[in-house]
Amino acid sequence: QVQLVESGGGLVQAGDSLRLSCAASGRTFSSYIMGWFRQAPGKEREFVTSVSWGGYSTLYADSVKGRFTISRDNAKNTVYLQMNSLKPEDTAVYFCAAARSMTTSGIAYEYWGQGTQVTVSS
């Protein structure tokens, strides 16, 4: 069982940066792929990024490549999402999630956090 709690969301202006954190409980954190998803109002949840067990392999959605960076600290049971050059279209609730395999499909993720709101004003 893994419990996930996101933090770090907020209201920023276009071009600003934010760093989201996701703290995980449980001793098996390092055995999970960790991912970030987001859901904007009226839209479906979409994959943002994921990171492998050791942090050496990552996947990014095209919309965030070059602007967002995922990382993890297994000693702290925490995964991070550094978001730079934020755009109004990045406005959404951001969720972290844990999966057994490296995938962009939300169906494969077993555990989810409650989400944190990110709002980017123009």
Protein backbone atom coordinates (compact mmCIF):
# COMPACT_ATOMS: atom_id res chain seq x y z
CA GLN A 1 0.00 0.00 0.00
CA VAL A 2 1.30 3.42 -0.93
CA GLN A 3 -0.22 6.71 0.14
CA LEU A 4 0.65 9.83 -1.81
CA VAL A 5 0.33 13.45 -0.76
CA GLU A 6 1.04 16.30 -3.16
CA SER A 7 2.01 19.83 -2.20
CA GLY A 8 3.42 22.97 -3.76
CA GLY A 9 0.59 24.10 -5.97
CA GLY A 10 -0.53 27.69 -6.15
CA LEU A 11 -1.35 30.73 -8.26
CA VAL A 12 1.46 32.10 -10.41
CA GLN A 13 1.86 34.29 -13.45
CA ALA A 14 2.81 33.11 -16.91
CA GLY A 15 6.55 32.57 -17.13
CA ASP A 16 6.94 31.79 -13.44
CA SER A 17 8.14 28.53 -11.91
CA LEU A 18 6.71 26.14 -9.34
CA ARG A 19 7.96 22.95 -7.77
CA LEU A 20 5.48 20.30 -6.78
CA SER A 21 6.31 17.60 -4.28
CA CYS A 22 4.70 14.25 -3.69
CA ALA A 23 5.48 12.50 -0.44
CA ALA A 24 4.88 8.76 -0.29
CA SER A 25 4.32 6.53 2.68
CA GLY A 26 5.43 2.93 2.78
CA ARG A 27 8.73 1.15 2.48
CA THR A 28 8.25 0.15 -1.15
CA PHE A 29 8.42 3.61 -2.73
CA SER A 30 11.62 2.83 -4.62
CA SER A 31 9.98 -0.15 -6.32
CA TYR A 32 7.39 2.01 -8.09
CA ILE A 33 7.48 4.08 -11.20
CA MET A 34 6.26 7.55 -10.23
CA GLY A 35 4.27 9.76 -12.51
CA TRP A 36 2.51 13.10 -12.66
CA PHE A 37 -0.83 13.64 -14.36
CA ARG A 38 -3.02 16.69 -14.63
CA GLN A 39 -6.65 17.47 -15.23
CA ALA A 40 -7.95 20.83 -16.35
CA PRO A 41 -11.61 21.82 -15.90
CA GLY A 42 -13.78 20.13 -18.47
CA LYS A 43 -10.92 18.05 -19.82
CA GLU A 44 -9.76 14.50 -19.38
CA ARG A 45 -6.85 13.63 -17.17
CA GLU A 46 -3.60 13.64 -19.12
CA PHE A 47 -0.13 12.22 -18.60
CA VAL A 48 2.58 14.77 -17.82
CA THR A 49 5.72 12.84 -16.92
CA SER A 50 7.10 9.75 -15.21
CA VAL A 51 10.37 8.59 -13.71
CA SER A 52 11.85 5.13 -13.28
CA TRP A 53 12.75 3.45 -10.00
CA GLY A 54 16.28 4.84 -9.84
CA GLY A 55 15.46 8.13 -11.51
CA TYR A 56 17.55 7.42 -14.59
CA SER A 57 14.75 7.11 -17.11
CA THR A 58 12.00 9.63 -17.73
CA LEU A 59 9.06 10.23 -20.05
CA TYR A 60 7.48 13.59 -20.83
CA ALA A 61 4.40 14.74 -22.66
CA ASP A 62 5.29 16.85 -25.66
CA SER A 63 3.47 19.81 -24.17
CA VAL A 64 5.89 20.02 -21.22
CA LYS A 65 9.19 18.88 -22.71
CA GLY A 66 11.97 21.33 -22.04
CA ARG A 67 9.94 23.13 -19.36
CA PHE A 68 9.14 20.48 -16.73
CA THR A 69 11.56 18.19 -14.95
CA ILE A 70 10.67 15.18 -12.83
CA SER A 71 13.01 13.83 -10.18
CA ARG A 72 12.84 11.58 -7.16
CA ASP A 73 14.62 11.11 -3.88
CA ASN A 74 14.11 7.54 -2.72
CA ALA A 75 15.75 8.27 0.63
CA LYS A 76 13.00 10.81 1.29
CA ASN A 77 10.20 8.87 -0.43
CA THR A 78 9.48 11.95 -2.49
CA VAL A 79 9.03 12.76 -6.15
CA TYR A 80 9.26 16.28 -7.49
CA LEU A 81 7.97 18.16 -10.50
CA GLN A 82 9.89 21.31 -11.36
CA MET A 83 7.77 23.44 -13.66
CA ASN A 84 9.40 26.36 -15.45
CA SER A 85 8.10 28.83 -18.02
CA LEU A 86 4.55 28.12 -16.95
CA LYS A 87 1.74 28.91 -19.35
CA PRO A 88 -1.97 29.52 -18.72
CA GLU A 89 -2.68 26.19 -20.44
CA ASP A 90 -0.74 24.45 -17.65
CA THR A 91 -3.57 25.35 -15.28
CA ALA A 92 -4.93 22.11 -13.81
CA VAL A 93 -5.08 19.89 -10.79
CA TYR A 94 -1.84 17.92 -10.68
CA PHE A 95 -1.79 14.38 -9.37
CA CYS A 96 1.10 12.12 -8.58
CA ALA A 97 0.68 8.40 -9.03
CA ALA A 98 2.58 5.13 -8.62
CA ALA A 99 2.82 2.28 -11.12
CA ARG A 100 4.68 -0.99 -11.57
CA SER A 101 5.76 -0.22 -15.12
CA MET A 102 6.94 2.76 -17.14
CA THR A 103 3.82 3.87 -18.96
CA THR A 104 1.89 6.97 -19.93
CA SER A 105 -1.46 5.25 -19.35
CA GLY A 106 -3.24 6.28 -16.21
CA ILE A 107 -4.95 2.92 -16.03
CA ALA A 108 -1.65 1.30 -15.08
CA TYR A 109 -1.12 3.51 -12.06
CA GLU A 110 -2.25 1.81 -8.86
CA TYR A 111 -2.02 4.62 -6.33
CA TRP A 112 -2.99 8.27 -6.62
CA GLY A 113 -2.66 11.37 -4.53
CA GLN A 114 -5.50 13.80 -3.90
CA GLY A 115 -4.09 16.43 -6.24
CA THR A 116 -2.81 19.98 -5.94
CA GLN A 117 -4.14 22.97 -7.87
CA VAL A 118 -1.86 24.91 -10.17
CA THR A 119 -3.25 28.10 -11.66
CA VAL A 120 -1.27 30.16 -14.15
CA SER A 121 -2.57 33.62 -14.94
CA SER A 122 -1.80 35.42 -18.18
